Amino acid sequence: MAENSLWRKVEEKEKEQIRMESKKLLSEFASKLSKVKTSGEHFENGDGMREEGDGWNTDAEFRSVTLSNAPFVEGDSIVAEKGAWKK
């Protein structure tokens, strides 16, 4: 089993090269990110819940296709386990 594995021991020289490449990538990303212009607006909601609204009308065909593709449905809602995608 170990022969077929992609895992291997990384030498110190390789580790240092990985660290340097990682720092370079992060620095380049940070540099580009600092050039992004945003509106600067931020909305803070104290309790973390949004106000209920009327929503919008969804195409009936879209709704039926979406619900038919969902693994588990209750009424008009898709039931999803929090964090199930992490398994």
Protein backbone atom coordinates (compact mmCIF):
# COMPACT_ATOMS: atom_id res chain seq x y z
CA MET A 1 0.00 0.00 0.00
CA ALA A 2 2.81 2.43 0.86
CA GLU A 3 4.41 1.97 -2.56
CA ASN A 4 1.25 3.22 -4.30
CA SER A 5 0.87 6.24 -2.06
CA LEU A 6 1.58 9.79 -3.24
CA TRP A 7 2.95 10.71 0.19
CA ARG A 8 6.67 10.95 0.62
CA LYS A 9 9.07 12.46 3.12
CA VAL A 10 10.06 16.02 2.22
CA GLU A 11 13.68 17.01 2.74
CA GLU A 12 14.63 20.22 4.57
CA LYS A 13 15.87 21.85 1.35
CA GLU A 14 12.47 21.18 -0.27
CA LYS A 15 10.64 22.49 2.79
CA GLU A 16 12.58 25.75 2.57
CA GLN A 17 11.81 26.04 -1.15
CA ILE A 18 8.10 25.47 -0.42
CA ARG A 19 8.21 28.15 2.30
CA MET A 20 9.86 30.65 -0.04
CA GLU A 21 7.41 29.96 -2.88
CA SER A 22 4.48 30.25 -0.45
CA LYS A 23 5.70 33.59 0.88
CA LYS A 24 6.19 34.85 -2.67
CA LEU A 25 2.67 33.80 -3.69
CA LEU A 26 1.14 35.39 -0.59
CA SER A 27 3.07 38.62 -1.12
CA GLU A 28 1.97 38.82 -4.76
CA PHE A 29 -1.62 38.12 -3.78
CA ALA A 30 -1.56 40.74 -1.01
CA SER A 31 -0.09 43.28 -3.42
CA LYS A 32 -2.83 42.65 -5.98
CA LEU A 33 -5.51 42.60 -3.30
CA SER A 34 -4.43 46.02 -2.04
CA LYS A 35 -5.12 47.42 -5.52
CA VAL A 36 -8.76 46.27 -5.46
CA LYS A 37 -11.11 49.22 -5.10
CA THR A 38 -14.18 48.74 -2.94
CA SER A 39 -16.99 50.99 -1.88
CA GLY A 40 -15.75 50.86 1.69
CA GLU A 41 -19.29 50.30 2.95
CA HIS A 42 -19.87 47.70 5.60
CA PHE A 43 -23.14 46.61 7.11
CA GLU A 44 -23.11 45.20 10.61
CA ASN A 45 -26.18 43.43 11.88
CA GLY A 46 -26.08 43.05 15.66
CA ASP A 47 -27.91 39.74 16.03
CA GLY A 48 -26.67 38.18 12.80
CA MET A 49 -30.18 37.67 11.43
CA ARG A 50 -31.61 39.44 8.43
CA GLU A 51 -35.09 40.85 8.33
CA GLU A 52 -37.70 38.70 6.63
CA GLY A 53 -38.91 40.05 3.35
CA ASP A 54 -41.27 39.05 0.58
CA GLY A 55 -38.50 37.40 -1.41
CA TRP A 56 -38.85 36.97 -5.14
CA ASN A 57 -40.82 34.73 -7.41
CA THR A 58 -38.91 31.69 -8.60
CA ASP A 59 -39.60 30.00 -11.91
CA ALA A 60 -41.70 26.89 -11.16
CA GLU A 61 -39.60 24.68 -13.43
CA PHE A 62 -36.37 25.81 -11.75
CA ARG A 63 -37.88 25.07 -8.35
CA SER A 64 -39.06 21.58 -9.32
CA VAL A 65 -35.74 20.65 -10.97
CA THR A 66 -33.76 21.94 -7.99
CA LEU A 67 -35.90 20.08 -5.48
CA SER A 68 -35.84 16.88 -7.55
CA ASN A 69 -32.01 16.99 -7.60
CA ALA A 70 -31.68 17.55 -3.85
CA PRO A 71 -30.78 14.48 -1.78
CA PHE A 72 -33.37 15.24 0.94
CA VAL A 73 -36.39 17.55 0.75
CA GLU A 74 -39.02 18.48 3.34
CA GLY A 75 -41.97 20.34 1.86
CA ASP A 76 -40.56 23.19 -0.22
CA SER A 77 -37.17 23.19 1.52
CA ILE A 78 -33.91 21.39 0.90
CA VAL A 79 -32.64 19.77 4.09
CA ALA A 80 -28.87 19.94 4.46
CA GLU A 81 -26.72 18.86 7.36
CA LYS A 82 -24.38 21.59 8.54
CA GLY A 83 -20.81 20.64 7.73
CA ALA A 84 -21.77 17.41 5.92
CA TRP A 85 -19.58 18.44 2.97
CA LYS A 86 -16.53 18.23 5.22
CA LYS A 87 -16.82 14.46 5.68
